[in-house]
Protein backbone atom coordinates (compact mmCIF):
# COMPACT_ATOMS: atom_id res chain seq x y z
CA MET A 1 -38.32 46.42 -34.49
CA SER A 2 -38.45 46.07 -30.52
CA ALA A 3 -39.31 49.17 -28.56
CA PHE A 4 -36.48 47.40 -26.35
CA ASP A 5 -34.07 47.40 -28.89
CA PRO A 6 -32.51 51.35 -27.44
CA LEU A 7 -32.32 49.92 -24.56
CA ARG A 8 -31.18 46.54 -25.31
CA ALA A 9 -28.20 48.42 -27.24
CA TYR A 10 -27.44 50.57 -24.52
CA LEU A 11 -27.19 47.71 -21.62
CA GLU A 12 -24.65 45.90 -24.31
CA ARG A 13 -22.49 48.86 -24.96
CA THR A 14 -22.38 50.20 -21.28
CA SER A 15 -21.90 46.94 -19.66
CA LEU A 16 -19.65 45.41 -22.46
CA ALA A 17 -17.12 49.06 -21.31
CA ALA A 18 -17.77 48.15 -17.73
CA GLY A 19 -16.59 44.64 -18.07
CA ALA A 20 -19.47 42.87 -16.84
CA PRO A 21 -21.39 42.04 -20.31
CA TYR A 22 -24.83 40.80 -20.40
CA SER A 23 -25.43 37.35 -22.19
CA ALA A 24 -28.14 37.36 -25.06
CA LYS A 25 -30.25 35.19 -22.49
CA GLU A 26 -30.17 37.75 -19.80
CA LEU A 27 -31.23 40.72 -21.77
CA ASP A 28 -34.29 38.66 -23.59
CA ASN A 29 -35.26 38.28 -19.58
CA LEU A 30 -34.99 41.56 -18.76
CA GLU A 31 -37.46 42.97 -21.88
CA LYS A 32 -40.17 41.51 -19.87
CA PHE A 33 -39.44 43.90 -16.82
CA PHE A 34 -39.98 47.18 -19.27
CA VAL A 35 -43.07 48.74 -20.47
CA PRO A 36 -43.00 51.42 -23.50
CA GLN A 37 -44.89 54.59 -22.46
CA THR A 38 -44.90 57.97 -24.90
CA LEU A 39 -45.31 61.25 -23.12
CA ARG A 40 -46.20 64.21 -25.05
CA ARG A 41 -44.33 67.82 -24.04
CA GLY A 42 -45.41 68.64 -21.02
CA GLU A 43 -46.74 65.75 -19.73
CA PHE A 44 -46.16 64.53 -16.32
CA LEU A 45 -44.56 60.98 -15.78
CA GLN A 46 -45.29 61.85 -11.57
CA ARG A 47 -45.86 64.74 -9.63
CA VAL A 48 -44.56 64.87 -5.90
CA GLY A 49 -46.81 63.37 -3.22
CA GLU A 50 -48.26 61.09 -5.63
CA SER A 51 -47.46 57.05 -5.15
CA VAL A 52 -44.11 56.24 -6.62
CA PRO A 53 -44.88 54.71 -10.05
CA TYR A 54 -42.24 54.21 -12.78
CA ALA A 55 -38.52 54.83 -12.98
CA ALA A 56 -37.44 55.39 -16.62
CA PHE A 57 -35.02 54.70 -19.41
CA VAL A 58 -35.33 57.23 -21.74
CA ALA A 59 -35.42 55.74 -25.48
CA ALA A 60 -36.00 58.69 -27.08
CA GLY A 61 -36.52 62.85 -26.40
CA CYS A 62 -35.79 64.45 -23.14
CA LEU A 63 -37.25 64.79 -19.51
CA ARG A 64 -36.47 66.84 -16.27
CA SER A 65 -36.51 66.23 -12.91
CA TYR A 66 -37.65 69.56 -10.46
CA VAL A 67 -38.93 70.85 -7.29
CA ILE A 68 -40.88 73.71 -6.24
CA ASP A 69 -39.15 75.82 -3.76
CA SER A 70 -40.53 77.99 -1.31
CA LYS A 71 -40.91 81.02 -3.48
CA GLY A 72 -42.89 79.08 -5.88
CA GLU A 73 -39.78 79.02 -8.24
CA GLU A 74 -38.93 75.45 -10.08
CA VAL A 75 -35.75 74.32 -9.29
CA ILE A 76 -34.18 71.99 -11.69
CA LEU A 77 -32.51 68.98 -10.07
CA GLN A 78 -31.49 66.79 -13.47
CA PHE A 79 -32.33 66.11 -17.38
CA ALA A 80 -32.38 63.31 -18.94
CA PRO A 81 -31.77 63.22 -22.43
CA GLN A 82 -31.47 59.91 -24.65
CA ASN A 83 -30.20 56.75 -23.30
CA TRP A 84 -30.45 58.47 -19.58
CA TRP A 85 -32.12 57.13 -16.61
CA LEU A 86 -34.41 59.12 -14.63
CA GLY A 87 -36.10 58.28 -11.42
CA ASP A 88 -37.40 59.82 -8.13
CA SER A 89 -35.10 58.95 -4.79
CA ALA A 90 -37.89 57.55 -3.38
CA PHE A 91 -38.03 54.88 -5.87
CA LEU A 92 -34.47 53.69 -5.01
CA THR A 93 -34.89 53.65 -1.39
CA GLY A 94 -38.37 51.96 -1.32
CA GLY A 95 -40.44 55.00 -0.72
CA LYS A 96 -44.14 55.32 -1.43
CA THR A 97 -44.58 59.06 -2.34
CA CYS A 98 -42.94 60.82 -5.02
CA GLU A 99 -40.10 63.65 -4.02
CA CYS A 100 -39.82 65.62 -6.91
CA PHE A 101 -41.84 65.97 -10.35
CA ILE A 102 -40.68 64.17 -13.71
CA ASP A 103 -42.14 65.53 -16.80
CA ALA A 104 -41.12 65.61 -20.43
CA ILE A 105 -39.92 69.27 -22.04
CA THR A 106 -40.15 67.06 -25.44
CA ARG A 107 -41.97 63.97 -26.96
CA ALA A 108 -40.32 61.41 -25.07
CA GLU A 109 -40.21 57.58 -25.95
CA LEU A 110 -39.68 55.65 -22.44
CA LEU A 111 -39.25 52.08 -21.34
CA VAL A 112 -40.45 52.26 -17.85
CA PHE A 113 -40.32 49.80 -14.91
CA ASP A 114 -42.26 50.04 -11.18
CA GLN A 115 -40.26 48.59 -8.17
CA GLY A 116 -41.13 45.09 -8.17
CA ALA A 117 -39.95 44.96 -11.23
CA PHE A 118 -36.65 46.89 -10.42
CA GLN A 119 -35.91 44.33 -7.40
CA LYS A 120 -36.82 41.08 -9.64
CA MET A 121 -34.29 42.58 -12.44
CA MET A 122 -31.83 42.52 -9.59
CA ASP A 123 -32.45 39.04 -8.00
CA GLU A 124 -32.81 37.37 -11.54
CA THR A 125 -30.07 39.08 -13.54
CA PRO A 126 -26.89 39.48 -11.26
CA ILE A 127 -25.18 41.62 -14.18
CA TYR A 128 -28.03 43.94 -13.86
CA ALA A 129 -27.19 44.24 -9.94
CA VAL A 130 -23.46 44.70 -11.22
CA ASN A 131 -24.27 47.43 -13.79
CA PHE A 132 -27.34 49.49 -11.76
CA ARG A 133 -24.55 49.91 -8.93
CA ILE A 134 -22.28 51.06 -11.28
CA ALA A 135 -24.12 53.72 -12.94
CA PHE A 136 -25.69 54.41 -9.24
CA GLN A 137 -22.37 55.13 -7.88
CA LYS A 138 -21.59 57.19 -11.03
CA SER A 139 -24.84 59.12 -10.75
CA ALA A 140 -24.34 59.81 -6.77
CA ALA A 141 -20.68 61.10 -7.43
CA ALA A 142 -21.81 63.76 -10.52
CA LYS A 143 -24.62 65.14 -8.23
CA ASP A 144 -22.04 65.55 -5.23
CA ARG A 145 -19.87 67.23 -7.99
CA ARG A 146 -22.76 69.62 -9.00
CA ILE A 147 -22.91 70.51 -5.30
CA VAL A 148 -19.24 71.32 -4.85
CA ASP A 149 -19.31 72.87 -8.10
CA ALA A 150 -22.34 75.16 -7.05
CA LEU A 151 -20.65 76.68 -4.24
CA SER A 152 -16.83 76.46 -5.72
CA ARG A 153 -16.85 77.39 -9.59
CA SER A 154 -18.17 80.93 -11.54
CA VAL A 155 -21.34 80.35 -13.20
CA GLU A 156 -19.49 80.66 -16.72
CA GLU A 157 -17.49 77.20 -15.30
CA ARG A 158 -20.74 75.46 -14.43
CA TYR A 159 -22.52 76.75 -17.86
CA LEU A 160 -19.52 75.27 -19.84
CA ASP A 161 -19.73 71.74 -17.00
CA PHE A 162 -23.59 71.56 -18.41
CA LEU A 163 -22.46 71.90 -22.25
CA LYS A 164 -20.43 68.72 -21.18
CA THR A 165 -22.29 66.93 -19.39
CA TYR A 166 -25.40 67.34 -21.89
CA PRO A 167 -23.94 68.03 -25.44
CA ALA A 168 -27.16 66.28 -27.32
CA ILE A 169 -29.91 68.75 -25.95
CA ALA A 170 -27.90 71.74 -24.92
CA ASN A 171 -29.48 73.92 -27.81
CA GLN A 172 -32.97 72.54 -27.14
CA VAL A 173 -33.58 73.12 -23.22
CA PRO A 174 -35.39 76.60 -23.06
CA GLN A 175 -33.09 79.34 -21.37
CA ARG A 176 -35.25 79.60 -18.35
CA MET A 177 -34.71 76.03 -17.68
CA LEU A 178 -31.17 75.90 -18.19
CA ALA A 179 -31.35 79.25 -15.37
CA SER A 180 -33.15 77.11 -13.17
CA TYR A 181 -30.79 74.14 -13.21
CA LEU A 182 -27.78 76.27 -12.46
CA GLY A 183 -29.17 78.49 -9.95
CA VAL A 184 -29.30 81.66 -11.62
CA SER A 185 -31.53 83.82 -13.53
CA PRO A 186 -32.01 83.95 -17.05
CA GLU A 187 -30.03 87.33 -17.16
CA THR A 188 -27.20 85.63 -16.25
CA VAL A 189 -27.45 82.88 -18.45
CA SER A 190 -27.76 85.57 -21.92
CA ARG A 191 -24.94 87.24 -20.27
CA VAL A 192 -22.30 84.63 -20.17
CA ARG A 193 -23.56 83.11 -23.70
CA ARG A 194 -22.71 86.18 -25.15
CA HIS A 195 -19.59 86.56 -23.81
CA LEU A 196 -18.26 82.99 -24.73
CA SER A 197 -19.91 83.57 -28.04
CA ARG A 198 -17.69 87.18 -27.94
CA ARG A 199 -14.67 85.26 -26.69
CA HIS A 200 -15.19 82.66 -29.63
CA VAL A 201 -15.27 85.38 -32.23
CA ARG A 202 -12.32 86.50 -31.31
CA ASN A 203 -10.39 83.51 -31.23
CA VAL A 204 -11.69 82.32 -34.89
CA SER A 205 -10.47 85.97 -36.00
CA ALA A 206 -6.79 85.87 -34.54
CA GLY A 207 -6.48 82.57 -36.89
CA PRO A 208 -3.60 80.15 -35.32
CA SER A 209 -0.74 81.97 -36.62
CA SER A 210 -1.26 84.96 -33.76
CA ARG A 211 -0.72 81.87 -31.27
CA HIS A 212 2.74 80.45 -32.55
């Protein structure tokens, strides 16, 4: 089994769904641009102020990106579980220094690529450029939606949206990191979880007959 196989399967699946599938030759060509890398839990892919190294596809495990605010607190921007992409915004804009921290919250198997490789993939494989644009647009829309949600939705609604966005890691992310992502205290996350748990128990206890 090749280290590229998880990414190949992902690219085949998502490009087919987008209506712009890759040929086997195009996938073989893309493989040469990716380098396998393993991060231990807590190990960094990049730090703020360093030269922009790579963007990454997560073949296994989970990464997070975050910044440090004026109070010295972590503000988590994004989680990247299996089959997600993650990179610094400077990577896409041709910037030279990292604007956020990226580290592993579990052991992670990655396929990384640098800015030069990224540009060659865009130039040599037009289908990759099409699919990347689609993925980038979806990512930008999700970030915009998160900003709107933070201003207009309750903590409970934002928590439920987190469960929908990251179902595979909902029970793996430490509560302090989840609280940082939601912009609330860990105590608030505990309170929301207790409330939802009690409501679930009441609904189960009531049974279907009481809802007719």
